[in-house]
Amino acid sequence: MTVELTVEANLVDEALTRRFLLDYPQDAALKIESLSANDAATILGKQPVFVLLPMWKYLLPRTGADIIRNLPDDHITELLTELPPQDTVRMLGQWQKDALEVLLKTLPAPVRNELLTLMSYPENSAGRLMETRNWAFRGNQTVADALKLLRKTKTISARTLYLVDDEGRLNAKVQVQDIAISEPYVTLSEISQPVTAVVPGTAGKDEISDLFERLQLLDLPVLDIDQRLLGVINHASLVQVSQEDMSSDVLAMVGASREERALSGAWFSVKKRMPWLQINLITAFLAASVVGLFESTIASFTALAVLLPVVAGQSGNAGAQALAVTMRGLALREITVRHWFQVMFKEVRVGFMNGIAIALTCGIGVFLWSQSLGLVLIICSAMILAMIAAGFAGAIVPIVLVRFGQDPAQASSIILTTVTDIVGFFAFLGIATLLSGML
C-alpha cells in the first residue's frame, strides 16, 4: 500500500511540475536556477522534452549548460535538436572545446552542421575574439552569489559582469572592483551601471579597436541578433590579436593571397573571373532559347519585343533585393537554413504585392503607348508572375547554396539572373501566345 501511495505521489508531483513548466516557463526558469545542476536535471529528466522547451529559453546559458550535462542522453539529443539554434549556440558556448566536439558528434548531421555554422565567425571578428563562458548574471543575485560563482569557475580575467533581464537580454553591467568593496547582501542591480557599447558577433577588428580606444573600455559585450549576450571581448585578447596581425603582415606580400585585390595582376584577375563569365554565358543562352521558342509570336506582334526587357528588368531588380536581404540575414546569423520556409514565404508575398503595384503602373503606361487592353493584360499578368518568381529565387538560391556547403556570394547572382530571365520571358511570351487573339 505504501509503495502504491509513493508511486501515485510521484506521478502527481511530475504532473504538477509539467503544468508549472508549461504554464509559467519564466518563473520555472528562475526556480530551476536556484537549484543545483544535478537536482535540476533529476527533475527535468522526468519530463518530455516538449515540456522543457518553453522554459529553456529563459535560463541563463551557464545554467542551461550545467543542467544539460546531467540529463539523459536521449534528452540531450532531442533538446539540442528542438531548441532554436541561437539559444543552443549561447548554451554550447559555455562548454570546453573537447567536450563540445564530443557532444556535437551525437547530434544529427543537419543539426550539427547548422550549429557549427552559427558558431563559426570570420577571422578577427568579434565572434572569434570573445570569451563565452560565465559572464551573464541576474540583477537580483547578490554580491555573495557572484563571488561564489567567480571562485567556483576561477574566472580570473573578468573585470566586468553583465546583467541580463528575464528574457536574457543585456541591460546593465557591474565592475568587479565594485563587487569587491560591497556588502555580501547587496544585489548586483544596486551597484550596476549602464552598458555604453556593444557589437554583433560579425563585427570586424577595426570597429572593435575603435570602440576600445574611443571609449576607453576594459571589455566589450558581444550580442546576437536578439540582443542576448554571446560573450565578452577583453582588452588583452584584442591586443594579442593585433600583435599577431602585425607579424603576419610583415610576412605577407602584396598579391600573395589567392583572393583577388584591386591591384592584383591582370592574368590573376582573368583566372579568377573567367570561369564565372563562361557560366554566365551558358545561362544567357538558356534565357535566349526561351525567347526562341516564341519566335513566331514575336514576329507577329513586334510590340512584345519592345516590352520584353521591361518584365525581365523589373523581376531582376526584385530578385536582387530579395537576394541581398537573405544573404545579409545569413551573414549576420539572423536566419539559418532551418528558416528557409519563413524567408521564402515572406519574399513570395512581397513579390506578389510589389508585382501588383508595378503591374498597375506598367499597365497604365502600356495602355497610353499602345491603346491595347490585350497588351496591358499580358504585361500585367506576366509582371506579377515574374515578381513572385524573383522573390522566391532571391530567398531560396542562397539558402540552398549554404545548405550544400557553397559560398552564396559566388554563384547566387548568376543563378538568380537565369531564373528571373527565363521565368520573365516565358511568362510574358507564353501569356502573349495564349491571349494572341486579344492583340
Protein backbone atom coordinates (compact mmCIF):
# COMPACT_ATOMS: atom_id res chain seq x y z
CA MET A 1 0.00 0.00 0.00
CA THR A 2 2.85 2.34 0.90
CA VAL A 3 4.56 1.64 -2.44
CA GLU A 4 1.37 2.41 -4.35
CA LEU A 5 0.95 5.70 -2.48
CA THR A 6 4.56 6.62 -3.24
CA VAL A 7 4.09 5.89 -6.94
CA GLU A 8 0.89 7.94 -7.05
CA ALA A 9 2.58 10.79 -5.21
CA ASN A 10 5.44 10.77 -7.73
CA LEU A 11 3.01 10.80 -10.64
CA VAL A 12 1.14 13.74 -9.12
CA ASP A 13 4.40 15.57 -8.47
CA GLU A 14 5.52 15.06 -12.08
CA ALA A 15 2.13 16.21 -13.40
CA LEU A 16 2.24 19.38 -11.29
CA THR A 17 5.81 20.05 -12.39
CA ARG A 18 4.81 19.62 -16.01
CA ARG A 19 1.93 22.07 -15.62
CA PHE A 20 4.21 24.59 -13.93
CA LEU A 21 6.84 24.33 -16.68
CA LEU A 22 4.26 24.76 -19.44
CA ASP A 23 2.11 27.48 -17.88
CA TYR A 24 4.79 29.56 -16.13
CA PRO A 25 8.06 28.98 -18.03
CA GLN A 26 9.69 32.24 -16.91
CA ASP A 27 9.00 31.59 -13.20
CA ALA A 28 10.08 27.99 -13.67
CA ALA A 29 13.43 29.12 -15.10
CA LEU A 30 14.13 31.29 -12.05
CA LYS A 31 13.23 28.39 -9.76
CA ILE A 32 15.44 25.97 -11.68
CA GLU A 33 18.37 28.42 -11.46
CA SER A 34 18.14 28.29 -7.66
CA LEU A 35 18.75 24.51 -7.67
CA SER A 36 21.96 22.62 -8.18
CA ALA A 37 22.57 21.36 -11.70
CA ASN A 38 22.21 17.73 -10.59
CA ASP A 39 18.92 18.32 -8.75
CA ALA A 40 17.52 20.34 -11.66
CA ALA A 41 18.50 17.61 -14.14
CA THR A 42 16.82 14.96 -11.96
CA ILE A 43 13.55 16.91 -12.01
CA LEU A 44 13.68 17.90 -15.69
CA GLY A 45 14.83 14.47 -16.87
CA LYS A 46 11.46 13.04 -15.87
CA GLN A 47 9.63 15.39 -18.24
CA PRO A 48 9.24 15.08 -22.03
CA VAL A 49 11.44 17.45 -23.98
CA PHE A 50 8.50 19.42 -25.38
CA VAL A 51 7.68 20.43 -21.79
CA LEU A 52 11.19 21.81 -21.27
CA LEU A 53 11.39 23.92 -24.43
CA PRO A 54 9.25 26.94 -23.34
CA MET A 55 11.22 27.29 -20.10
CA TRP A 56 14.69 26.67 -21.52
CA LYS A 57 14.97 29.96 -23.40
CA TYR A 58 14.65 31.87 -20.10
CA LEU A 59 17.56 30.05 -18.43
CA LEU A 60 20.95 31.69 -18.18
CA PRO A 61 23.22 29.98 -20.75
CA ARG A 62 25.58 28.92 -17.96
CA THR A 63 22.74 27.25 -16.02
CA GLY A 64 21.41 25.52 -19.13
CA ALA A 65 24.87 24.19 -19.95
CA ASP A 66 25.39 22.82 -16.43
CA ILE A 67 21.98 21.13 -16.40
CA ILE A 68 22.24 19.56 -19.83
CA ARG A 69 25.44 17.76 -18.85
CA ASN A 70 23.41 15.80 -16.29
CA LEU A 71 20.37 14.98 -18.45
CA PRO A 72 19.83 11.55 -20.05
CA ASP A 73 21.49 11.16 -23.45
CA ASP A 74 18.21 10.94 -25.36
CA HIS A 75 17.01 14.16 -23.68
CA ILE A 76 20.21 15.95 -24.63
CA THR A 77 19.99 15.00 -28.30
CA GLU A 78 16.29 15.82 -28.62
CA LEU A 79 16.61 19.08 -26.67
CA LEU A 80 19.52 20.38 -28.77
CA THR A 81 17.67 19.40 -31.93
CA GLU A 82 14.42 21.12 -30.99
CA LEU A 83 15.73 24.29 -29.34
CA PRO A 84 16.04 27.41 -31.54
CA PRO A 85 19.59 27.38 -32.94
CA GLN A 86 20.57 30.73 -31.39
CA ASP A 87 19.55 29.52 -27.91
CA THR A 88 21.56 26.35 -28.40
CA VAL A 89 24.66 28.28 -29.50
CA ARG A 90 24.55 30.55 -26.44
CA MET A 91 24.40 27.48 -24.21
CA LEU A 92 27.07 25.48 -26.02
CA GLY A 93 29.41 28.45 -25.72
CA GLN A 94 29.79 27.54 -22.03
CA TRP A 95 31.33 24.16 -22.87
CA GLN A 96 35.01 23.37 -23.15
CA LYS A 97 36.14 22.69 -26.71
CA ASP A 98 36.88 18.97 -26.27
CA ALA A 99 33.56 18.25 -24.54
CA LEU A 100 31.72 20.29 -27.16
CA GLU A 101 33.20 18.27 -30.01
CA VAL A 102 32.10 15.02 -28.37
CA LEU A 103 28.59 16.37 -27.82
CA LEU A 104 28.19 17.63 -31.39
CA LYS A 105 29.08 14.20 -32.77
CA THR A 106 25.97 12.77 -31.11
CA LEU A 107 23.63 15.13 -32.99
CA PRO A 108 22.06 14.51 -36.42
CA ALA A 109 24.28 15.80 -39.23
CA PRO A 110 21.96 18.65 -40.39
CA VAL A 111 21.62 20.00 -36.83
CA ARG A 112 25.36 19.63 -36.18
CA ASN A 113 26.29 21.45 -39.38
CA GLU A 114 23.84 24.26 -38.65
CA LEU A 115 25.25 24.78 -35.15
CA LEU A 116 28.84 24.67 -36.39
CA THR A 117 27.97 27.32 -38.97
CA LEU A 118 26.42 29.57 -36.33
CA MET A 119 29.40 29.10 -34.02
CA SER A 120 31.91 29.94 -36.74
CA TYR A 121 32.88 33.54 -37.41
CA PRO A 122 35.23 35.28 -39.85
CA GLU A 123 38.85 35.65 -38.84
CA ASN A 124 39.42 38.58 -36.45
CA SER A 125 35.69 39.12 -35.94
CA ALA A 126 34.05 39.69 -32.55
CA GLY A 127 32.83 36.08 -32.52
CA ARG A 128 36.41 34.83 -32.81
CA LEU A 129 37.78 37.23 -30.19
CA MET A 130 35.13 36.82 -27.48
CA GLU A 131 35.23 34.69 -24.33
CA THR A 132 31.90 32.86 -23.99
CA ARG A 133 31.97 31.25 -20.52
CA ASN A 134 30.37 32.50 -17.31
CA TRP A 135 29.56 36.15 -17.89
CA ALA A 136 25.78 36.57 -17.57
CA PHE A 137 24.17 37.28 -14.19
CA ARG A 138 20.74 38.30 -12.90
CA GLY A 139 20.22 41.69 -11.30
CA ASN A 140 18.62 40.12 -8.20
CA GLN A 141 21.69 37.99 -7.48
CA THR A 142 23.73 39.21 -4.54
CA VAL A 143 27.38 40.11 -4.30
CA ALA A 144 27.90 36.90 -2.30
CA ASP A 145 26.34 34.85 -5.14
CA ALA A 146 28.58 36.48 -7.72
CA LEU A 147 31.76 35.98 -5.69
CA LYS A 148 30.87 32.35 -5.05
CA LEU A 149 30.43 31.70 -8.75
CA LEU A 150 33.62 33.56 -9.71
CA ARG A 151 35.60 31.48 -7.21
CA LYS A 152 33.97 28.27 -8.45
CA THR A 153 34.72 28.95 -12.11
CA LYS A 154 38.08 30.64 -11.45
CA THR A 155 37.25 33.38 -13.95
CA ILE A 156 40.39 35.42 -13.32
CA SER A 157 40.14 37.52 -16.50
CA ALA A 158 36.73 39.01 -15.65
CA ARG A 159 36.75 42.73 -14.92
CA THR A 160 33.06 43.31 -15.61
CA LEU A 161 29.98 41.19 -15.02
CA TYR A 162 27.00 41.69 -17.32
CA LEU A 163 23.40 41.58 -16.13
CA VAL A 164 20.54 40.24 -18.23
CA ASP A 165 16.78 40.59 -17.81
CA ASP A 166 14.22 37.79 -17.57
CA GLU A 167 14.29 37.42 -21.38
CA GLY A 168 18.09 37.03 -21.35
CA ARG A 169 18.71 40.45 -22.93
CA LEU A 170 21.63 42.56 -21.79
CA ASN A 171 20.58 45.53 -19.63
CA ALA A 172 23.46 46.56 -17.31
CA LYS A 173 26.98 45.82 -16.10
CA VAL A 174 28.83 45.64 -12.78
CA GLN A 175 32.54 46.28 -12.24
CA VAL A 176 34.30 43.51 -10.31
CA GLN A 177 36.05 46.15 -8.18
CA ASP A 178 32.62 47.42 -7.06
CA ILE A 179 31.67 43.86 -6.09
CA ALA A 180 34.86 43.52 -4.06
CA ILE A 181 34.05 46.51 -1.83
CA SER A 182 30.28 45.91 -1.48
CA GLU A 183 28.46 44.10 1.30
CA PRO A 184 27.59 40.45 0.57
CA TYR A 185 23.82 41.07 0.75
CA VAL A 186 23.81 43.90 -1.83
CA THR A 187 22.20 42.91 -5.14
CA LEU A 188 24.09 43.36 -8.38
CA SER A 189 21.42 45.70 -9.77
CA GLU A 190 22.09 48.12 -6.91
CA ILE A 191 25.69 48.63 -7.98
CA SER A 192 25.16 48.29 -11.73
CA GLN A 193 25.99 50.78 -14.47
CA PRO A 194 24.55 51.24 -17.99
CA VAL A 195 26.26 49.47 -20.89
CA THR A 196 27.92 52.06 -23.14
CA ALA A 197 28.88 49.93 -26.16
CA VAL A 198 28.07 46.56 -27.73
CA VAL A 199 28.96 44.80 -31.00
CA PRO A 200 27.45 41.93 -33.02
CA GLY A 201 29.37 38.70 -33.45
CA THR A 202 30.27 39.61 -37.04
CA ALA A 203 31.86 42.98 -36.16
CA GLY A 204 35.38 43.41 -37.52
CA LYS A 205 38.57 44.03 -35.56
CA ASP A 206 38.86 47.62 -36.79
CA GLU A 207 35.42 48.51 -35.43
CA ILE A 208 36.20 46.79 -32.13
CA SER A 209 39.58 48.51 -31.79
CA ASP A 210 37.96 51.89 -32.47
CA LEU A 211 35.40 51.33 -29.68
CA PHE A 212 38.07 50.28 -27.18
CA GLU A 213 40.22 53.30 -28.00
CA ARG A 214 37.46 55.90 -28.24
CA LEU A 215 35.52 54.84 -25.13
CA GLN A 216 38.49 53.58 -23.08
CA LEU A 217 36.78 50.24 -22.45
CA LEU A 218 38.05 47.39 -20.31
CA ASP A 219 35.93 44.86 -22.17
CA LEU A 220 33.17 44.79 -24.74
CA PRO A 221 29.98 42.63 -24.78
CA VAL A 222 29.08 40.73 -27.95
CA LEU A 223 25.37 40.31 -28.69
CA ASP A 224 23.37 38.19 -31.11
CA ILE A 225 20.51 39.44 -33.26
CA ASP A 226 18.09 39.13 -30.30
CA GLN A 227 20.29 41.37 -28.11
CA ARG A 228 21.26 38.41 -25.95
CA LEU A 229 24.79 38.06 -24.64
CA LEU A 230 27.05 35.76 -26.66
CA GLY A 231 30.32 36.60 -24.93
CA VAL A 232 32.77 39.33 -23.97
CA ILE A 233 35.95 40.63 -25.61
CA ASN A 234 38.58 41.72 -23.12
CA HIS A 235 41.26 44.23 -23.98
CA ALA A 236 44.14 41.77 -23.53
CA SER A 237 42.72 39.44 -26.20
CA LEU A 238 42.38 42.31 -28.65
CA VAL A 239 45.98 43.45 -28.08
CA GLN A 240 47.25 39.91 -28.61
CA VAL A 241 45.41 39.52 -31.91
CA SER A 242 46.62 42.93 -33.10
CA GLN A 243 50.21 41.90 -32.42
CA GLU A 244 49.73 38.64 -34.33
CA ASP A 245 48.24 40.54 -37.28
CA MET A 246 51.22 42.90 -37.38
CA SER A 247 53.61 39.93 -37.50
CA SER A 248 51.65 38.23 -40.28
CA ASP A 249 51.54 41.49 -42.28
CA VAL A 250 55.33 41.58 -42.31
CA LEU A 251 55.46 38.03 -43.69
CA ALA A 252 52.75 38.51 -46.30
CA MET A 253 53.47 40.19 -49.63
CA VAL A 254 51.01 42.17 -51.70
CA GLY A 255 49.27 39.81 -54.13
CA ALA A 256 50.39 36.64 -52.32
CA SER A 257 46.83 35.85 -51.28
CA ARG A 258 44.70 33.72 -53.57
CA GLU A 259 41.89 36.25 -53.28
CA GLU A 260 41.81 38.98 -55.89
CA ARG A 261 42.64 42.55 -54.90
CA ALA A 262 42.22 45.84 -56.71
CA LEU A 263 45.88 45.84 -57.75
CA SER A 264 46.27 42.15 -58.50
CA GLY A 265 47.81 41.19 -61.81
CA ALA A 266 45.66 41.12 -64.94
CA TRP A 267 46.27 37.41 -65.61
CA PHE A 268 45.43 36.59 -61.99
CA SER A 269 42.17 38.51 -62.30
CA VAL A 270 41.35 36.77 -65.59
CA LYS A 271 41.83 33.35 -63.99
CA LYS A 272 39.54 34.31 -61.11
CA ARG A 273 36.80 35.82 -63.26
CA MET A 274 36.79 33.79 -66.46
CA PRO A 275 35.07 30.61 -65.14
CA TRP A 276 32.09 32.61 -63.89
CA LEU A 277 31.88 34.59 -67.13
CA GLN A 278 31.73 31.32 -69.06
CA ILE A 279 28.98 30.02 -66.78
CA ASN A 280 27.09 33.27 -67.20
CA LEU A 281 27.34 32.90 -70.98
CA ILE A 282 25.76 29.45 -70.81
CA THR A 283 22.89 30.77 -68.69
CA ALA A 284 22.39 33.66 -71.11
CA PHE A 285 21.96 31.15 -73.94
CA LEU A 286 19.37 29.32 -71.83
CA ALA A 287 17.37 32.53 -71.47
CA ALA A 288 17.78 33.25 -75.19
CA SER A 289 16.48 29.77 -76.03
CA VAL A 290 13.24 30.59 -74.22
CA VAL A 291 12.78 33.64 -76.45
CA GLY A 292 13.47 31.42 -79.47
CA LEU A 293 10.54 29.19 -78.56
CA PHE A 294 8.20 32.12 -79.18
CA GLU A 295 9.89 33.49 -82.30
CA SER A 296 6.68 33.35 -84.36
CA THR A 297 4.70 35.19 -81.70
CA ILE A 298 7.29 37.99 -81.54
CA ALA A 299 7.36 38.19 -85.34
CA SER A 300 3.58 38.63 -85.43
CA PHE A 301 3.44 41.22 -82.63
CA THR A 302 6.60 43.35 -82.62
CA ALA A 303 5.39 45.34 -79.60
CA LEU A 304 6.25 42.29 -77.50
CA ALA A 305 9.95 42.70 -78.31
CA VAL A 306 9.82 46.29 -77.04
CA LEU A 307 8.24 45.31 -73.71
CA LEU A 308 10.18 42.10 -73.09
CA PRO A 309 13.15 43.83 -71.33
CA VAL A 310 10.72 45.65 -69.01
CA VAL A 311 9.49 42.41 -67.44
CA ALA A 312 12.98 40.91 -67.21
CA GLY A 313 14.47 44.09 -65.77
CA GLN A 314 11.85 44.54 -63.06
CA SER A 315 11.97 40.90 -61.99
CA GLY A 316 15.77 41.01 -61.95
CA ASN A 317 15.78 44.05 -59.66
CA ALA A 318 13.16 42.50 -57.36
CA GLY A 319 15.15 39.28 -57.17
CA ALA A 320 18.34 41.20 -56.36
CA GLN A 321 16.57 42.90 -53.46
CA ALA A 322 15.35 39.59 -52.03
CA LEU A 323 18.80 38.08 -52.57
CA ALA A 324 20.55 40.95 -50.74
CA VAL A 325 18.22 40.74 -47.73
CA THR A 326 18.56 36.95 -47.50
CA MET A 327 22.34 36.97 -47.82
CA ARG A 328 22.60 39.69 -45.21
CA GLY A 329 20.44 37.61 -42.87
CA LEU A 330 22.69 34.59 -43.41
CA ALA A 331 25.85 36.63 -42.89
CA LEU A 332 24.58 38.24 -39.67
CA ARG A 333 23.17 34.94 -38.34
CA GLU A 334 19.66 36.40 -38.34
CA ILE A 335 18.50 33.29 -40.19
CA THR A 336 19.74 29.77 -40.85
CA VAL A 337 18.90 27.08 -43.38
CA ARG A 338 16.16 25.99 -40.99
CA HIS A 339 14.29 29.26 -41.67
CA TRP A 340 14.02 28.62 -45.41
CA PHE A 341 10.23 28.39 -45.48
CA GLN A 342 9.61 31.58 -43.47
CA VAL A 343 12.06 33.55 -45.62
CA MET A 344 10.70 32.12 -48.87
CA PHE A 345 7.06 32.69 -47.93
CA LYS A 346 7.78 36.27 -46.89
CA GLU A 347 9.63 37.10 -50.13
CA VAL A 348 6.91 35.48 -52.26
CA ARG A 349 4.29 37.66 -50.54
CA VAL A 350 6.49 40.73 -51.04
CA GLY A 351 6.90 39.81 -54.71
CA PHE A 352 3.15 39.39 -55.13
CA MET A 353 2.31 42.76 -53.54
CA ASN A 354 5.08 44.59 -55.38
CA GLY A 355 4.05 42.82 -58.57
CA ILE A 356 0.50 44.13 -58.32
CA ALA A 357 1.69 47.69 -57.69
CA ILE A 358 4.25 47.60 -60.53
CA ALA A 359 1.74 45.93 -62.85
CA LEU A 360 -0.78 48.72 -62.32
CA THR A 361 1.79 51.41 -63.07
CA CYS A 362 3.16 49.46 -66.03
CA GLY A 363 -0.35 48.77 -67.36
CA ILE A 364 -1.22 52.48 -67.42
CA GLY A 365 1.97 53.26 -69.32
CA VAL A 366 1.46 50.46 -71.83
CA PHE A 367 -2.15 51.47 -72.46
CA LEU A 368 -1.18 55.10 -73.12
CA TRP A 369 1.51 53.88 -75.51
CA SER A 370 -0.37 51.09 -77.35
CA GLN A 371 -4.09 51.65 -76.69
CA SER A 372 -4.32 47.84 -76.44
CA LEU A 373 -6.14 46.30 -73.49
CA GLY A 374 -4.85 42.87 -74.52
CA LEU A 375 -1.26 44.01 -74.28
CA VAL A 376 -1.99 45.59 -70.89
CA LEU A 377 -3.47 42.33 -69.59
CA ILE A 378 -0.50 40.34 -70.87
CA ILE A 379 2.22 42.50 -69.34
CA CYS A 380 0.37 42.93 -66.02
CA SER A 381 -0.11 39.17 -65.63
CA ALA A 382 3.47 38.44 -66.62
CA MET A 383 4.82 41.12 -64.29
CA ILE A 384 3.05 39.64 -61.26
CA LEU A 385 4.24 36.10 -62.04
CA ALA A 386 7.79 37.25 -62.70
CA MET A 387 7.97 39.26 -59.46
CA ILE A 388 6.71 36.29 -57.44
CA ALA A 389 9.33 34.04 -59.05
CA ALA A 390 12.02 36.64 -58.41
CA GLY A 391 11.17 36.80 -54.69
CA PHE A 392 11.14 33.01 -54.47
CA ALA A 393 14.51 32.66 -56.21
CA GLY A 394 16.12 35.52 -54.27
CA ALA A 395 15.26 33.80 -51.00
CA ILE A 396 15.85 30.15 -51.91
CA VAL A 397 19.02 30.29 -54.03
CA PRO A 398 21.46 31.47 -51.31
CA ILE A 399 19.90 29.20 -48.69
CA VAL A 400 20.23 26.16 -50.96
CA LEU A 401 23.85 27.03 -51.71
CA VAL A 402 24.62 27.32 -48.00
CA ARG A 403 22.85 24.01 -47.36
CA PHE A 404 25.22 22.30 -49.82
CA GLY A 405 28.29 23.98 -48.37
CA GLN A 406 28.82 26.53 -51.16
CA ASP A 407 29.57 30.24 -50.87
CA PRO A 408 26.35 32.07 -51.83
CA ALA A 409 28.26 35.21 -52.76
CA GLN A 410 29.93 33.48 -55.71
CA ALA A 411 27.04 31.92 -57.59
CA SER A 412 23.78 33.39 -56.29
CA SER A 413 23.60 36.34 -58.69
CA ILE A 414 24.22 34.19 -61.78
CA ILE A 415 21.60 31.62 -60.81
CA LEU A 416 19.15 34.36 -59.86
CA THR A 417 19.60 36.18 -63.18
CA THR A 418 18.99 32.94 -65.04
CA VAL A 419 15.80 32.18 -63.11
CA THR A 420 14.34 35.69 -63.41
CA ASP A 421 15.13 35.94 -67.12
CA ILE A 422 13.74 32.52 -68.00
CA VAL A 423 10.59 32.91 -65.89
CA GLY A 424 10.05 36.50 -67.04
CA PHE A 425 10.47 35.68 -70.73
CA PHE A 426 8.40 32.51 -70.51
CA ALA A 427 5.57 34.17 -68.56
CA PHE A 428 5.38 37.19 -70.85
CA LEU A 429 5.66 35.37 -74.15
CA GLY A 430 3.63 32.36 -73.00
CA ILE A 431 0.70 34.53 -71.89
CA ALA A 432 1.02 36.56 -75.11
CA THR A 433 0.73 33.34 -77.13
CA LEU A 434 -2.34 32.23 -75.19
CA LEU A 435 -4.01 35.65 -75.49
CA SER A 436 -2.84 36.44 -79.02
CA GLY A 437 -6.44 36.85 -80.10
CA MET A 438 -6.69 39.98 -77.94
CA LEU A 439 -3.70 41.70 -79.56
